[in-house]
Amino acid sequence: MAESKLDYYEDKAGEWRWRRKAGNGEIIGASSEGYKSKADCEANATRDTSKDKWEFYQEDAGGHRWRCIASNGKQVGKASEAFSSKKNCEHNAGLNGWKG
């Protein structure tokens, strides 16, 4: 995986969330939900994603995005932005644990 850093923070509702930042500080992935404890948030961010379902889709506006669905059916991660090509979207998903 390219150089990236996980950032944990409390949102306005007091729940913990994660975001993955590239070496240049750009957000390249984020949690889809808040967690009551920081430990649960950290466990979600660092879990084995090999059994997750990764969905790739194109928005009405044309951009490409991904989302990660855990084995329990809950969305646990998503692209933080739309990408101009599916290839760039897949590259970003790879930085966030997609094995292709």
PDB file of N, CA and C in Angstrom:
ATOM      1  N   MET A   1       0.843  -1.167   0.000  1.00  0.00           N
ATOM      2  CA  MET A   1       0.000   0.000   0.000  1.00  0.00           C
ATOM      3  C   MET A   1       0.889   1.231   0.000  1.00  0.00           C
ATOM      4  N   ALA A   2       0.508   2.228  -0.766  1.00  0.00           N
ATOM      5  CA  ALA A   2       1.239   3.486  -0.789  1.00  0.00           C
ATOM      6  C   ALA A   2       1.183   4.117   0.596  1.00  0.00           C
ATOM      7  N   GLU A   3       2.082   5.062   0.839  1.00  0.00           N
ATOM      8  CA  GLU A   3       2.121   5.714   2.132  1.00  0.00           C
ATOM      9  C   GLU A   3       0.786   6.371   2.444  1.00  0.00           C
ATOM     10  N   SER A   4       0.201   5.992   3.561  1.00  0.00           N
ATOM     11  CA  SER A   4      -1.042   6.606   4.018  1.00  0.00           C
ATOM     12  C   SER A   4      -1.082   6.541   5.534  1.00  0.00           C
ATOM     13  N   LYS A   5      -1.991   7.321   6.099  1.00  0.00           N
ATOM     14  CA  LYS A   5      -2.099   7.395   7.550  1.00  0.00           C
ATOM     15  C   LYS A   5      -3.571   7.369   7.927  1.00  0.00           C
ATOM     16  N   LEU A   6      -3.904   6.612   8.965  1.00  0.00           N
ATOM     17  CA  LEU A   6      -5.258   6.616   9.482  1.00  0.00           C
ATOM     18  C   LEU A   6      -5.400   7.734  10.501  1.00  0.00           C
ATOM     19  N   ASP A   7      -6.484   8.464  10.378  1.00  0.00           N
ATOM     20  CA  ASP A   7      -6.789   9.574  11.272  1.00  0.00           C
ATOM     21  C   ASP A   7      -8.111   9.251  11.957  1.00  0.00           C
ATOM     22  N   TYR A   8      -8.142   9.274  13.297  1.00  0.00           N
ATOM     23  CA  TYR A   8      -9.350   9.007  14.064  1.00  0.00           C
ATOM     24  C   TYR A   8      -9.817  10.306  14.690  1.00  0.00           C
ATOM     25  N   TYR A   9     -11.137  10.543  14.670  1.00  0.00           N
ATOM     26  CA  TYR A   9     -11.664  11.777  15.227  1.00  0.00           C
ATOM     27  C   TYR A   9     -13.099  11.570  15.706  1.00  0.00           C
ATOM     28  N   GLU A  10     -13.526  12.443  16.604  1.00  0.00           N
ATOM     29  CA  GLU A  10     -14.912  12.429  17.065  1.00  0.00           C
ATOM     30  C   GLU A  10     -15.718  13.411  16.222  1.00  0.00           C
ATOM     31  N   ASP A  11     -16.882  12.939  15.753  1.00  0.00           N
ATOM     32  CA  ASP A  11     -17.737  13.810  14.942  1.00  0.00           C
ATOM     33  C   ASP A  11     -18.622  14.672  15.851  1.00  0.00           C
ATOM     34  N   LYS A  12     -19.496  15.479  15.260  1.00  0.00           N
ATOM     35  CA  LYS A  12     -20.344  16.395  16.035  1.00  0.00           C
ATOM     36  C   LYS A  12     -21.305  15.667  16.964  1.00  0.00           C
ATOM     37  N   ALA A  13     -21.629  14.412  16.637  1.00  0.00           N
ATOM     38  CA  ALA A  13     -22.531  13.616  17.473  1.00  0.00           C
ATOM     39  C   ALA A  13     -21.781  12.893  18.597  1.00  0.00           C
ATOM     40  N   GLY A  14     -20.463  13.073  18.672  1.00  0.00           N
ATOM     41  CA  GLY A  14     -19.660  12.423  19.697  1.00  0.00           C
ATOM     42  C   GLY A  14     -19.272  10.996  19.366  1.00  0.00           C
ATOM     43  N   GLU A  15     -19.436  10.588  18.110  1.00  0.00           N
ATOM     44  CA  GLU A  15     -19.059   9.247  17.679  1.00  0.00           C
ATOM     45  C   GLU A  15     -17.705   9.278  16.985  1.00  0.00           C
ATOM     46  N   TRP A  16     -17.009   8.153  17.047  1.00  0.00           N
ATOM     47  CA  TRP A  16     -15.678   8.041  16.449  1.00  0.00           C
ATOM     48  C   TRP A  16     -15.781   7.653  14.990  1.00  0.00           C
ATOM     49  N   ARG A  17     -14.955   8.254  14.164  1.00  0.00           N
ATOM     50  CA  ARG A  17     -14.863   7.966  12.736  1.00  0.00           C
ATOM     51  C   ARG A  17     -13.391   7.887  12.340  1.00  0.00           C
ATOM     52  N   TRP A  18     -13.139   7.245  11.194  1.00  0.00           N
ATOM     53  CA  TRP A  18     -11.781   7.202  10.660  1.00  0.00           C
ATOM     54  C   TRP A  18     -11.774   7.781   9.259  1.00  0.00           C
ATOM     55  N   ARG A  19     -10.625   8.267   8.882  1.00  0.00           N
ATOM     56  CA  ARG A  19     -10.368   8.662   7.496  1.00  0.00           C
ATOM     57  C   ARG A  19      -8.919   8.321   7.200  1.00  0.00           C
ATOM     58  N   ARG A  20      -8.685   7.881   5.977  1.00  0.00           N
ATOM     59  CA  ARG A  20      -7.331   7.534   5.537  1.00  0.00           C
ATOM     60  C   ARG A  20      -6.819   8.702   4.715  1.00  0.00           C
ATOM     61  N   LYS A  21      -5.607   9.156   5.052  1.00  0.00           N
ATOM     62  CA  LYS A  21      -5.007  10.286   4.348  1.00  0.00           C
ATOM     63  C   LYS A  21      -3.750   9.836   3.612  1.00  0.00           C
ATOM     64  N   ALA A  22      -3.600  10.325   2.388  1.00  0.00           N
ATOM     65  CA  ALA A  22      -2.391  10.068   1.606  1.00  0.00           C
ATOM     66  C   ALA A  22      -1.241  10.864   2.203  1.00  0.00           C
ATOM     67  N   GLY A  23      -0.039  10.584   1.739  1.00  0.00           N
ATOM     68  CA  GLY A  23       1.141  11.291   2.222  1.00  0.00           C
ATOM     69  C   GLY A  23       1.061  12.802   2.055  1.00  0.00           C
ATOM     70  N   ASN A  24       0.274  13.264   1.063  1.00  0.00           N
ATOM     71  CA  ASN A  24       0.133  14.704   0.828  1.00  0.00           C
ATOM     72  C   ASN A  24      -0.991  15.320   1.659  1.00  0.00           C
ATOM     73  N   GLY A  25      -1.632  14.511   2.532  1.00  0.00           N
ATOM     74  CA  GLY A  25      -2.693  15.010   3.404  1.00  0.00           C
ATOM     75  C   GLY A  25      -4.095  14.897   2.819  1.00  0.00           C
ATOM     76  N   GLU A  26      -4.203  14.484   1.566  1.00  0.00           N
ATOM     77  CA  GLU A  26      -5.517  14.350   0.925  1.00  0.00           C
ATOM     78  C   GLU A  26      -6.257  13.147   1.498  1.00  0.00           C
ATOM     79  N   ILE A  27      -7.537  13.307   1.790  1.00  0.00           N
ATOM     80  CA  ILE A  27      -8.358  12.208   2.288  1.00  0.00           C
ATOM     81  C   ILE A  27      -8.656  11.270   1.128  1.00  0.00           C
ATOM     82  N   ILE A  28      -8.321   9.983   1.312  1.00  0.00           N
ATOM     83  CA  ILE A  28      -8.508   9.015   0.235  1.00  0.00           C
ATOM     84  C   ILE A  28      -9.525   7.929   0.590  1.00  0.00           C
ATOM     85  N   GLY A  29     -10.077   7.935   1.784  1.00  0.00           N
ATOM     86  CA  GLY A  29     -11.098   6.989   2.204  1.00  0.00           C
ATOM     87  C   GLY A  29     -11.624   7.398   3.566  1.00  0.00           C
ATOM     88  N   ALA A  30     -12.857   6.923   3.879  1.00  0.00           N
ATOM     89  CA  ALA A  30     -13.465   7.327   5.144  1.00  0.00           C
ATOM     90  C   ALA A  30     -14.461   6.283   5.611  1.00  0.00           C
ATOM     91  N   SER A  31     -14.711   6.263   6.931  1.00  0.00           N
ATOM     92  CA  SER A  31     -15.732   5.366   7.473  1.00  0.00           C
ATOM     93  C   SER A  31     -17.100   5.840   6.999  1.00  0.00           C
ATOM     94  N   SER A  32     -18.032   4.907   6.951  1.00  0.00           N
ATOM     95  CA  SER A  32     -19.393   5.224   6.521  1.00  0.00           C
ATOM     96  C   SER A  32     -20.326   5.486   7.684  1.00  0.00           C
ATOM     97  N   GLU A  33     -19.848   5.225   8.886  1.00  0.00           N
ATOM     98  CA  GLU A  33     -20.680   5.413  10.064  1.00  0.00           C
ATOM     99  C   GLU A  33     -19.804   5.784  11.251  1.00  0.00           C
ATOM    100  N   GLY A  34     -20.447   6.271  12.306  1.00  0.00           N
ATOM    101  CA  GLY A  34     -19.753   6.579  13.538  1.00  0.00           C
ATOM    102  C   GLY A  34     -19.768   5.392  14.487  1.00  0.00           C
ATOM    103  N   TYR A  35     -18.808   5.339  15.397  1.00  0.00           N
ATOM    104  CA  TYR A  35     -18.685   4.258  16.373  1.00  0.00           C
ATOM    105  C   TYR A  35     -18.696   4.851  17.775  1.00  0.00           C
ATOM    106  N   LYS A  36     -19.314   4.137  18.711  1.00  0.00           N
ATOM    107  CA  LYS A  36     -19.420   4.620  20.091  1.00  0.00           C
ATOM    108  C   LYS A  36     -18.066   4.692  20.774  1.00  0.00           C
ATOM    109  N   SER A  37     -17.166   3.750  20.435  1.00  0.00           N
ATOM    110  CA  SER A  37     -15.852   3.753  21.076  1.00  0.00           C
ATOM    111  C   SER A  37     -14.751   3.880  20.019  1.00  0.00           C
ATOM    112  N   LYS A  38     -13.645   4.462  20.439  1.00  0.00           N
ATOM    113  CA  LYS A  38     -12.502   4.578  19.545  1.00  0.00           C
ATOM    114  C   LYS A  38     -11.963   3.200  19.189  1.00  0.00           C
ATOM    115  N   ALA A  39     -12.009   2.263  20.122  1.00  0.00           N
ATOM    116  CA  ALA A  39     -11.512   0.907  19.857  1.00  0.00           C
ATOM    117  C   ALA A  39     -12.311   0.238  18.740  1.00  0.00           C
ATOM    118  N   ASP A  40     -13.637   0.403  18.736  1.00  0.00           N
ATOM    119  CA  ASP A  40     -14.462  -0.168  17.666  1.00  0.00           C
ATOM    120  C   ASP A  40     -14.138   0.496  16.328  1.00  0.00           C
ATOM    121  N   CYS A  41     -13.905   1.786  16.348  1.00  0.00           N
ATOM    122  CA  CYS A  41     -13.542   2.520  15.133  1.00  0.00           C
ATOM    123  C   CYS A  41     -12.208   2.016  14.588  1.00  0.00           C
ATOM    124  N   GLU A  42     -11.223   1.858  15.464  1.00  0.00           N
ATOM    125  CA  GLU A  42      -9.913   1.359  15.052  1.00  0.00           C
ATOM    126  C   GLU A  42     -10.013  -0.062  14.492  1.00  0.00           C
ATOM    127  N   ALA A  43     -10.844  -0.894  15.119  1.00  0.00           N
ATOM    128  CA  ALA A  43     -11.022  -2.264  14.639  1.00  0.00           C
ATOM    129  C   ALA A  43     -11.617  -2.264  13.234  1.00  0.00           C
ATOM    130  N   ASN A  44     -12.559  -1.373  12.966  1.00  0.00           N
ATOM    131  CA  ASN A  44     -13.150  -1.284  11.633  1.00  0.00           C
ATOM    132  C   ASN A  44     -12.118  -0.833  10.612  1.00  0.00           C
ATOM    133  N   ALA A  45     -11.321   0.144  10.962  1.00  0.00           N
ATOM    134  CA  ALA A  45     -10.359   0.721  10.019  1.00  0.00           C
ATOM    135  C   ALA A  45      -9.236  -0.245   9.662  1.00  0.00           C
ATOM    136  N   THR A  46      -8.910  -1.158  10.554  1.00  0.00           N
ATOM    137  CA  THR A  46      -7.756  -2.037  10.343  1.00  0.00           C
ATOM    138  C   THR A  46      -8.153  -3.499  10.122  1.00  0.00           C
ATOM    139  N   ARG A  47      -9.428  -3.771   9.927  1.00  0.00           N
ATOM    140  CA  ARG A  47      -9.897  -5.146   9.771  1.00  0.00           C
ATOM    141  C   ARG A  47      -9.421  -5.761   8.458  1.00  0.00           C
ATOM    142  N   ASP A  48      -9.507  -7.081   8.393  1.00  0.00           N
ATOM    143  CA  ASP A  48      -9.197  -7.821   7.169  1.00  0.00           C
ATOM    144  C   ASP A  48     -10.355  -7.619   6.192  1.00  0.00           C
ATOM    145  N   THR A  49     -10.096  -7.008   5.064  1.00  0.00           N
ATOM    146  CA  THR A  49     -11.153  -6.689   4.096  1.00  0.00           C
ATOM    147  C   THR A  49     -11.331  -7.768   3.029  1.00  0.00           C
ATOM    148  N   SER A  50     -10.643  -8.896   3.167  1.00  0.00           N
ATOM    149  CA  SER A  50     -10.683  -9.915   2.119  1.00  0.00           C
ATOM    150  C   SER A  50     -12.066 -10.551   1.953  1.00  0.00           C
ATOM    151  N   LYS A  51     -12.906 -10.522   2.979  1.00  0.00           N
ATOM    152  CA  LYS A  51     -14.243 -11.102   2.876  1.00  0.00           C
ATOM    153  C   LYS A  51     -15.316 -10.049   2.601  1.00  0.00           C
ATOM    154  N   ASP A  52     -14.918  -8.803   2.499  1.00  0.00           N
ATOM    155  CA  ASP A  52     -15.863  -7.735   2.220  1.00  0.00           C
ATOM    156  C   ASP A  52     -16.252  -7.723   0.746  1.00  0.00           C
ATOM    157  N   LYS A  53     -17.394  -7.156   0.476  1.00  0.00           N
ATOM    158  CA  LYS A  53     -17.855  -6.978  -0.898  1.00  0.00           C
ATOM    159  C   LYS A  53     -17.564  -5.527  -1.289  1.00  0.00           C
ATOM    160  N   TRP A  54     -16.891  -5.356  -2.390  1.00  0.00           N
ATOM    161  CA  TRP A  54     -16.556  -4.022  -2.878  1.00  0.00           C
ATOM    162  C   TRP A  54     -17.438  -3.712  -4.081  1.00  0.00           C
ATOM    163  N   GLU A  55     -18.142  -2.607  -4.011  1.00  0.00           N
ATOM    164  CA  GLU A  55     -19.019  -2.194  -5.098  1.00  0.00           C
ATOM    165  C   GLU A  55     -18.440  -0.949  -5.769  1.00  0.00           C
ATOM    166  N   PHE A  56     -18.456  -0.970  -7.071  1.00  0.00           N
ATOM    167  CA  PHE A  56     -18.008   0.169  -7.862  1.00  0.00           C
ATOM    168  C   PHE A  56     -19.196   0.653  -8.679  1.00  0.00           C
ATOM    169  N   TYR A  57     -19.404   1.945  -8.722  1.00  0.00           N
ATOM    170  CA  TYR A  57     -20.556   2.479  -9.442  1.00  0.00           C
ATOM    171  C   TYR A  57     -20.232   3.846 -10.021  1.00  0.00           C
ATOM    172  N   GLN A  58     -21.042   4.233 -10.987  1.00  0.00           N
ATOM    173  CA  GLN A  58     -20.872   5.528 -11.628  1.00  0.00           C
ATOM    174  C   GLN A  58     -22.058   6.411 -11.253  1.00  0.00           C
ATOM    175  N   GLU A  59     -21.759   7.608 -10.786  1.00  0.00           N
ATOM    176  CA  GLU A  59     -22.792   8.558 -10.410  1.00  0.00           C
ATOM    177  C   GLU A  59     -23.486   9.116 -11.653  1.00  0.00           C
ATOM    178  N   ASP A  60     -24.664   9.687 -11.471  1.00  0.00           N
ATOM    179  CA  ASP A  60     -25.374  10.321 -12.583  1.00  0.00           C
ATOM    180  C   ASP A  60     -24.529  11.410 -13.239  1.00  0.00           C
ATOM    181  N   ALA A  61     -23.717  12.080 -12.442  1.00  0.00           N
ATOM    182  CA  ALA A  61     -22.864  13.154 -12.961  1.00  0.00           C
ATOM    183  C   ALA A  61     -21.638  12.615 -13.705  1.00  0.00           C
ATOM    184  N   GLY A  62     -21.427  11.279 -13.661  1.00  0.00           N
ATOM    185  CA  GLY A  62     -20.341  10.681 -14.420  1.00  0.00           C
ATOM    186  C   GLY A  62     -19.151  10.204 -13.619  1.00  0.00           C
ATOM    187  N   GLY A  63     -18.995  10.650 -12.377  1.00  0.00           N
ATOM    188  CA  GLY A  63     -17.855  10.242 -11.570  1.00  0.00           C
ATOM    189  C   GLY A  63     -17.980   8.807 -11.087  1.00  0.00           C
ATOM    190  N   HIS A  64     -16.845   8.175 -10.820  1.00  0.00           N
ATOM    191  CA  HIS A  64     -16.789   6.795 -10.343  1.00  0.00           C
ATOM    192  C   HIS A  64     -16.495   6.783  -8.843  1.00  0.00           C
ATOM    193  N   ARG A  65     -17.187   5.910  -8.114  1.00  0.00           N
ATOM    194  CA  ARG A  65     -17.007   5.768  -6.668  1.00  0.00           C
ATOM    195  C   ARG A  65     -16.985   4.291  -6.290  1.00  0.00           C
ATOM    196  N   TRP A  66     -16.525   4.025  -5.063  1.00  0.00           N
ATOM    197  CA  TRP A  66     -16.569   2.677  -4.493  1.00  0.00           C
ATOM    198  C   TRP A  66     -17.170   2.746  -3.105  1.00  0.00           C
ATOM    199  N   ARG A  67     -17.681   1.597  -2.654  1.00  0.00           N
ATOM    200  CA  ARG A  67     -18.110   1.438  -1.267  1.00  0.00           C
ATOM    201  C   ARG A  67     -17.781   0.010  -0.865  1.00  0.00           C
ATOM    202  N   CYS A  68     -17.523  -0.167   0.410  1.00  0.00           N
ATOM    203  CA  CYS A  68     -17.136  -1.465   0.961  1.00  0.00           C
ATOM    204  C   CYS A  68     -18.242  -1.951   1.894  1.00  0.00           C
ATOM    205  N   ILE A  69     -18.728  -3.171   1.630  1.00  0.00           N
ATOM    206  CA  ILE A  69     -19.802  -3.768   2.421  1.00  0.00           C
ATOM    207  C   ILE A  69     -19.234  -4.960   3.193  1.00  0.00           C
ATOM    208  N   ALA A  70     -19.357  -4.944   4.515  1.00  0.00           N
ATOM    209  CA  ALA A  70     -18.862  -6.040   5.354  1.00  0.00           C
ATOM    210  C   ALA A  70     -19.748  -7.271   5.183  1.00  0.00           C
ATOM    211  N   SER A  71     -19.278  -8.402   5.687  1.00  0.00           N
ATOM    212  CA  SER A  71     -20.015  -9.660   5.551  1.00  0.00           C
ATOM    213  C   SER A  71     -21.371  -9.626   6.257  1.00  0.00           C
ATOM    214  N   ASN A  72     -21.563  -8.681   7.191  1.00  0.00           N
ATOM    215  CA  ASN A  72     -22.857  -8.557   7.867  1.00  0.00           C
ATOM    216  C   ASN A  72     -23.831  -7.661   7.089  1.00  0.00           C
ATOM    217  N   GLY A  73     -23.406  -7.184   5.906  1.00  0.00           N
ATOM    218  CA  GLY A  73     -24.273  -6.367   5.064  1.00  0.00           C
ATOM    219  C   GLY A  73     -24.186  -4.874   5.311  1.00  0.00           C
ATOM    220  N   LYS A  74     -23.391  -4.448   6.288  1.00  0.00           N
ATOM    221  CA  LYS A  74     -23.273  -3.018   6.592  1.00  0.00           C
ATOM    222  C   LYS A  74     -22.174  -2.380   5.750  1.00  0.00           C
ATOM    223  N   GLN A  75     -22.450  -1.192   5.260  1.00  0.00           N
ATOM    224  CA  GLN A  75     -21.426  -0.428   4.550  1.00  0.00           C
ATOM    225  C   GLN A  75     -20.444   0.087   5.582  1.00  0.00           C
ATOM    226  N   VAL A  76     -19.148  -0.188   5.372  1.00  0.00           N
ATOM    227  CA  VAL A  76     -18.138   0.165   6.365  1.00  0.00           C
ATOM    228  C   VAL A  76     -17.068   1.119   5.835  1.00  0.00           C
ATOM    229  N   GLY A  77     -17.102   1.428   4.567  1.00  0.00           N
ATOM    230  CA  GLY A  77     -16.139   2.366   3.993  1.00  0.00           C
ATOM    231  C   GLY A  77     -16.643   2.845   2.651  1.00  0.00           C
ATOM    232  N   LYS A  78     -16.103   3.997   2.218  1.00  0.00           N
ATOM    233  CA  LYS A  78     -16.531   4.559   0.942  1.00  0.00           C
ATOM    234  C   LYS A  78     -15.474   5.516   0.419  1.00  0.00           C
ATOM    235  N   ALA A  79     -15.555   5.757  -0.889  1.00  0.00           N
ATOM    236  CA  ALA A  79     -14.673   6.752  -1.505  1.00  0.00           C
ATOM    237  C   ALA A  79     -15.047   8.123  -0.962  1.00  0.00           C
ATOM    238  N   SER A  80     -14.069   8.932  -0.715  1.00  0.00           N
ATOM    239  CA  SER A  80     -14.336  10.271  -0.193  1.00  0.00           C
ATOM    240  C   SER A  80     -14.547  11.286  -1.308  1.00  0.00           C
ATOM    241  N   GLU A  81     -14.413  10.845  -2.546  1.00  0.00           N
ATOM    242  CA  GLU A  81     -14.626  11.720  -3.694  1.00  0.00           C
ATOM    243  C   GLU A  81     -14.939  10.865  -4.915  1.00  0.00           C
ATOM    244  N   ALA A  82     -15.441  11.503  -5.964  1.00  0.00           N
ATOM    245  CA  ALA A  82     -15.683  10.811  -7.233  1.00  0.00           C
ATOM    246  C   ALA A  82     -14.419  10.899  -8.081  1.00  0.00           C
ATOM    247  N   PHE A  83     -14.180   9.871  -8.887  1.00  0.00           N
ATOM    248  CA  PHE A  83     -13.000   9.809  -9.740  1.00  0.00           C
ATOM    249  C   PHE A  83     -13.410   9.878 -11.200  1.00  0.00           C
ATOM    250  N   SER A  84     -12.549  10.449 -12.017  1.00  0.00           N
ATOM    251  CA  SER A  84     -12.864  10.660 -13.432  1.00  0.00           C
ATOM    252  C   SER A  84     -12.866   9.367 -14.232  1.00  0.00           C
ATOM    253  N   SER A  85     -12.203   8.323 -13.727  1.00  0.00           N
ATOM    254  CA  SER A  85     -12.172   7.050 -14.447  1.00  0.00           C
ATOM    255  C   SER A  85     -12.330   5.899 -13.469  1.00  0.00           C
ATOM    256  N   LYS A  86     -12.811   4.773 -13.983  1.00  0.00           N
ATOM    257  CA  LYS A  86     -12.950   3.582 -13.148  1.00  0.00           C
ATOM    258  C   LYS A  86     -11.584   3.110 -12.670  1.00  0.00           C
ATOM    259  N   LYS A  87     -10.577   3.225 -13.525  1.00  0.00           N
ATOM    260  CA  LYS A  87      -9.218   2.816 -13.163  1.00  0.00           C
ATOM    261  C   LYS A  87      -8.719   3.597 -11.951  1.00  0.00           C
ATOM    262  N   ASN A  88      -8.920   4.915 -11.939  1.00  0.00           N
ATOM    263  CA  ASN A  88      -8.494   5.727 -10.796  1.00  0.00           C
ATOM    264  C   ASN A  88      -9.280   5.370  -9.538  1.00  0.00           C
ATOM    265  N   CYS A  89     -10.568   5.062  -9.713  1.00  0.00           N
ATOM    266  CA  CYS A  89     -11.405   4.654  -8.592  1.00  0.00           C
ATOM    267  C   CYS A  89     -10.898   3.338  -8.007  1.00  0.00           C
ATOM    268  N   GLU A  90     -10.577   2.378  -8.858  1.00  0.00           N
ATOM    269  CA  GLU A  90     -10.066   1.092  -8.396  1.00  0.00           C
ATOM    270  C   GLU A  90      -8.712   1.256  -7.704  1.00  0.00           C
ATOM    271  N   HIS A  91      -7.877   2.156  -8.207  1.00  0.00           N
ATOM    272  CA  HIS A  91      -6.588   2.418  -7.560  1.00  0.00           C
ATOM    273  C   HIS A  91      -6.823   2.933  -6.141  1.00  0.00           C
ATOM    274  N   ASN A  92      -7.754   3.872  -5.987  1.00  0.00           N
ATOM    275  CA  ASN A  92      -8.062   4.414  -4.674  1.00  0.00           C
ATOM    276  C   ASN A  92      -8.605   3.327  -3.757  1.00  0.00           C
ATOM    277  N   ALA A  93      -9.478   2.459  -4.269  1.00  0.00           N
ATOM    278  CA  ALA A  93     -10.009   1.356  -3.460  1.00  0.00           C
ATOM    279  C   ALA A  93      -8.867   0.452  -2.992  1.00  0.00           C
ATOM    280  N   GLY A  94      -7.875   0.226  -3.854  1.00  0.00           N
ATOM    281  CA  GLY A  94      -6.706  -0.562  -3.481  1.00  0.00           C
ATOM    282  C   GLY A  94      -5.938   0.048  -2.322  1.00  0.00           C
ATOM    283  N   LEU A  95      -5.878   1.359  -2.274  1.00  0.00           N
ATOM    284  CA  LEU A  95      -5.204   2.042  -1.163  1.00  0.00           C
ATOM    285  C   LEU A  95      -5.961   1.841   0.143  1.00  0.00           C
ATOM    286  N   ASN A  96      -7.249   1.474   0.032  1.00  0.00           N
ATOM    287  CA  ASN A  96      -8.099   1.289   1.199  1.00  0.00           C
ATOM    288  C   ASN A  96      -8.402  -0.175   1.501  1.00  0.00           C
ATOM    289  N   GLY A  97      -7.707  -1.107   0.852  1.00  0.00           N
ATOM    290  CA  GLY A  97      -7.824  -2.512   1.197  1.00  0.00           C
ATOM    291  C   GLY A  97      -8.421  -3.436   0.161  1.00  0.00           C
ATOM    292  N   TRP A  98      -8.928  -2.911  -0.955  1.00  0.00           N
ATOM    293  CA  TRP A  98      -9.473  -3.763  -2.014  1.00  0.00           C
ATOM    294  C   TRP A  98      -8.347  -4.563  -2.645  1.00  0.00           C
ATOM    295  N   LYS A  99      -8.551  -5.852  -2.794  1.00  0.00           N
ATOM    296  CA  LYS A  99      -7.502  -6.725  -3.321  1.00  0.00           C
ATOM    297  C   LYS A  99      -7.615  -6.954  -4.827  1.00  0.00           C
ATOM    298  N   GLY A 100      -8.676  -6.474  -5.444  1.00  0.00           N
ATOM    299  CA  GLY A 100      -8.848  -6.607  -6.900  1.00  0.00           C
ATOM    300  C   GLY A 100      -9.172  -7.974  -7.265  1.00  0.00           C
TER     301      GLY A 100
END
